[in-house]
Protein backbone atom coordinates (compact mmCIF):
# COMPACT_ATOMS: atom_id res chain seq x y z
CA MET A 1 90.76 74.48 119.59
CA LYS A 2 89.13 74.15 115.54
CA ARG A 3 91.70 73.26 113.33
CA GLN A 4 90.71 76.60 111.28
CA THR A 5 91.53 78.89 114.25
CA ARG A 6 94.47 77.22 115.02
CA LYS A 7 95.58 77.95 111.83
CA LEU A 8 94.37 81.51 111.57
CA LEU A 9 96.76 81.82 114.92
CA LEU A 10 99.78 80.60 113.58
CA ASN A 11 99.28 82.28 110.07
CA LEU A 12 99.24 85.82 112.50
CA ALA A 13 101.90 84.70 114.86
CA THR A 14 104.07 84.03 111.21
CA GLY A 15 103.36 87.18 110.25
CA ILE A 16 104.09 89.21 113.20
CA ALA A 17 107.83 87.02 113.23
CA VAL A 18 108.62 87.93 109.11
CA ALA A 19 107.12 91.65 109.93
CA ALA A 20 110.09 91.56 112.41
CA ALA A 21 112.75 89.94 110.15
CA ALA A 22 111.68 92.27 107.61
CA LEU A 23 112.88 95.59 109.86
CA ALA A 24 116.23 93.69 111.00
CA VAL A 25 117.01 92.08 107.73
CA PHE A 26 115.23 93.68 104.58
CA LEU A 27 115.93 97.21 105.90
CA PRO A 28 119.29 97.52 106.62
CA ALA A 29 119.76 96.08 103.01
CA ALA A 30 118.82 99.61 101.88
CA GLN A 31 121.65 100.88 103.46
CA ALA A 32 123.32 101.24 99.65
CA ALA A 33 119.97 103.14 98.04
CA PRO A 34 120.88 106.21 96.77
CA GLY A 35 118.95 109.92 96.90
CA PHE A 36 119.26 113.23 95.74
CA ALA A 37 118.25 116.12 97.19
CA THR A 38 115.22 117.94 95.43
CA THR A 39 116.17 121.59 96.64
CA ASN A 40 118.39 122.97 99.59
CA VAL A 41 117.30 121.40 102.79
CA ASN A 42 118.65 121.02 106.49
CA VAL A 43 119.88 118.26 107.78
CA ARG A 44 118.71 117.56 111.53
CA SER A 45 119.95 115.28 114.31
CA GLY A 46 116.49 113.60 114.84
CA PRO A 47 113.42 113.05 112.78
CA GLY A 48 111.64 116.16 113.17
CA THR A 49 111.61 120.04 112.53
CA SER A 50 112.31 120.27 116.77
CA TYR A 51 115.26 118.84 116.39
CA ALA A 52 118.76 120.68 115.67
CA VAL A 53 119.87 121.63 112.18
CA VAL A 54 123.79 119.65 111.77
CA ASP A 55 124.25 120.51 108.13
CA THR A 56 122.39 121.18 104.66
CA LEU A 57 122.16 119.73 101.78
CA VAL A 58 122.62 121.43 98.31
CA ARG A 59 119.96 120.83 95.50
CA GLY A 60 121.20 117.66 93.31
CA GLN A 61 123.39 116.27 96.02
CA GLN A 62 123.64 112.52 96.35
CA VAL A 63 123.17 110.50 99.43
CA ASP A 64 122.88 107.15 101.03
CA VAL A 65 119.22 106.48 102.60
CA GLN A 66 120.15 104.56 105.31
CA ARG A 67 116.50 104.16 106.48
CA CYS A 68 113.31 106.10 106.84
CA GLU A 69 110.89 106.51 110.09
CA GLY A 70 107.35 108.07 108.66
CA ARG A 71 108.37 110.96 106.44
CA TRP A 72 111.71 111.34 107.58
CA CYS A 73 114.95 109.32 106.10
CA TYR A 74 118.19 109.07 108.03
CA VAL A 75 121.24 109.70 105.45
CA VAL A 76 124.57 109.29 105.30
CA LYS A 77 126.86 111.47 103.46
CA SER A 78 130.25 113.53 103.46
CA GLY A 79 129.99 115.82 106.51
CA PRO A 80 127.50 115.45 109.42
CA ASP A 81 124.87 112.83 108.79
CA GLY A 82 121.58 112.85 109.94
CA TRP A 83 117.69 113.07 109.11
CA VAL A 84 115.73 114.86 106.23
CA SER A 85 112.48 115.26 105.40
CA SER A 86 111.29 112.44 102.52
CA SER A 87 109.62 115.32 100.79
CA TYR A 88 112.87 116.94 99.49
CA LEU A 89 114.48 113.29 98.41
CA SER A 90 114.24 111.84 95.48
CA ALA A 91 115.09 108.36 94.26
CA ASP A 92 116.51 109.85 90.67
CA ARG A 93 118.52 112.81 90.24
CA GLY A 94 116.02 115.91 88.94
CA GLY A 95 112.80 114.09 90.64
CA SER A 96 110.33 116.04 92.32
CA GLY A 97 110.71 114.20 95.65
CA GLY A 98 109.08 111.83 98.17
CA PHE A 99 111.29 109.00 99.03
CA SER A 100 110.21 106.59 101.99
CA PHE A 101 110.31 102.71 102.79
CA GLY A 102 107.84 100.58 103.66
CA PHE A 103 106.49 97.12 103.95
CA THR A 104 103.26 94.97 103.96
CA ILE A 105 101.82 91.76 105.41
CA GLY A 106 99.11 89.61 103.45
CA GLY A 107 98.05 87.35 100.57
CA GLY A 108 97.17 83.86 100.15
CA ASP A 109 97.71 81.26 103.38
CA GLY A 110 100.78 82.88 104.63
CA PRO A 111 102.72 86.03 105.00
CA ASN A 112 103.95 88.17 102.35
CA VAL A 113 106.29 90.93 103.02
CA SER A 114 107.67 93.47 100.54
CA ILE A 115 109.75 96.47 100.37
CA GLY A 116 109.19 99.30 98.20
CA ILE A 117 109.64 103.26 97.99
CA GLY A 118 106.48 105.69 98.18
CA ARG A 119 105.48 109.19 98.57
CA PRO A 120 104.24 111.11 101.30
CA PRO A 121 101.76 113.57 100.78
CA ILE A 122 102.64 116.26 103.65
CA VAL A 123 105.61 118.65 103.46
CA VAL A 124 107.46 118.45 106.62
CA ASP A 125 110.64 120.44 106.51
CA PRO A 126 110.55 123.83 104.39
CA PRO A 127 113.62 124.71 102.32
CA VAL A 128 116.31 126.05 103.82
CA VAL A 129 115.99 130.18 103.60
CA ARG A 130 119.11 131.90 103.82
CA PRO A 131 118.81 135.67 105.12
CA PRO A 132 120.45 138.47 103.01
CA VAL A 133 124.13 139.06 103.42
CA ILE A 134 124.38 142.94 104.58
CA ARG A 135 127.40 144.51 102.84
CA GLU A 136 126.92 148.37 103.93
CA VAL A 137 126.22 150.73 106.47
CA CYS A 138 123.69 153.31 106.59
CA PHE A 139 123.49 156.71 108.10
CA TYR A 140 120.82 158.83 108.94
CA GLU A 141 120.27 162.37 109.71
CA ARG A 142 117.80 161.66 112.77
CA SER A 143 118.04 159.46 115.83
CA ARG A 144 116.11 155.96 115.26
CA PHE A 145 116.91 155.72 111.74
CA ARG A 146 114.65 158.43 110.76
CA GLY A 147 115.49 161.23 108.20
CA ASP A 148 117.58 161.19 104.96
CA SER A 149 120.51 158.77 104.89
CA PHE A 150 123.14 157.46 102.67
CA CYS A 151 125.10 154.33 102.59
CA LEU A 152 128.72 153.15 102.40
CA GLU A 153 130.32 149.75 101.60
CA PRO A 154 133.52 148.65 103.52
CA GLY A 155 136.24 150.57 102.25
CA GLN A 156 134.70 153.89 101.67
CA ARG A 157 134.56 157.02 103.11
CA TYR A 158 132.27 160.32 103.20
CA ARG A 159 132.63 163.67 104.28
CA LEU A 160 129.36 165.61 105.09
CA PRO A 161 128.80 169.00 103.54
CA SER A 162 129.52 171.84 105.87
CA PHE A 163 125.73 172.58 105.84
CA ALA A 164 124.92 169.09 107.09
CA ASP A 165 123.12 168.51 110.56
CA GLY A 166 125.48 165.93 111.40
CA ILE A 167 124.33 162.37 111.65
CA GLY A 168 121.59 161.19 114.31
CA SER A 169 121.86 157.22 114.02
CA PHE A 170 123.08 154.58 111.52
CA ASP A 171 122.36 150.86 110.71
CA ASN A 172 125.59 148.44 111.11
CA ARG A 173 123.55 145.21 110.72
CA GLY A 174 126.70 143.69 108.89
CA GLY A 175 128.78 144.62 111.87
CA PHE A 176 131.77 146.56 110.38
CA ASP A 177 134.28 148.70 111.86
CA VAL A 178 132.95 152.30 111.51
CA GLU A 179 134.73 155.34 112.23
CA LEU A 180 133.11 159.08 112.58
CA CYS A 181 135.08 162.05 113.41
CA THR A 182 133.75 165.56 114.04
CA ARG A 183 134.29 168.93 112.73
CA ARG A 184 137.82 170.48 113.19
CA GLY A 185 137.03 173.41 115.39
CA PHE A 186 134.34 171.77 117.30
CA GLY A 187 136.81 169.27 119.38
CA GLU A 188 137.68 166.81 116.55
CA SER A 189 137.75 163.65 117.88
CA CYS A 190 136.90 160.64 116.40
CA ARG A 191 134.86 157.40 117.66
CA SER A 192 134.70 153.52 116.43
CA TYR A 193 131.78 151.40 116.17
CA THR A 194 131.16 147.95 115.15
CA THR A 195 127.36 147.76 116.04
CA SER A 196 124.25 149.85 115.09
CA ALA A 197 123.82 153.20 116.80
CA SER A 198 119.94 154.43 117.35
CA SER A 199 121.23 158.01 118.85
CA LEU A 200 124.67 159.37 118.72
CA GLY A 201 123.27 162.47 120.60
CA GLU A 202 125.28 165.88 120.76
CA PHE A 203 128.33 163.91 119.42
CA GLY A 204 126.51 162.89 116.23
CA GLU A 205 125.43 167.01 115.81
CA PHE A 206 129.28 167.81 114.95
CA VAL A 207 130.13 164.81 112.91
CA GLU A 208 132.17 165.89 109.53
CA THR A 209 133.36 162.53 108.20
CA VAL A 210 132.17 158.69 108.04
CA ARG A 211 134.23 155.41 107.48
CA VAL A 212 133.78 151.95 107.00
CA TYR A 213 136.66 149.43 106.84
CA ARG A 214 136.44 146.17 105.68
């Protein structure tokens, strides 16, 4: 085997060994690297959106970035640790995001290993979108949430006008305690609900008072 060929193979083998050493030595040294959340973002049990959400980072929250795989970084913080899209981590507080580790091999007659921070171009995990908080119950004249309506917040009570046609349905997505009572003279009775009702049937025709509890 020619001397030049042996030297090339030796450099290649050395490069592979140094690369493995970089993963085993240099990356753990990055455990103290601080990162900051650029927006509210999910913390997941693994490096991908298919993994379960275990916690949420709030904008500006500081974490310790342990390591990065592709476009995901494992972070340690108060509360459950987990994986966060690097697109929503910044090395500086108030930064625009894009936190990752990497290494390269090459240069001269021997291997050269370097650790750095880069910015991935693709957004992987979208910001957390929280559903609106429902703080009222809406009552409708007809079934299936149709017709004239009015809404009550917890702690409020309403008496229907004597000429009203009663209540056909009500939307209670907040899961509050709702009490409906019929008119006196029509077999006065009350019913309680904690869910929505798309149709109250004949009972709803005689409802006179409604109340929503906290």
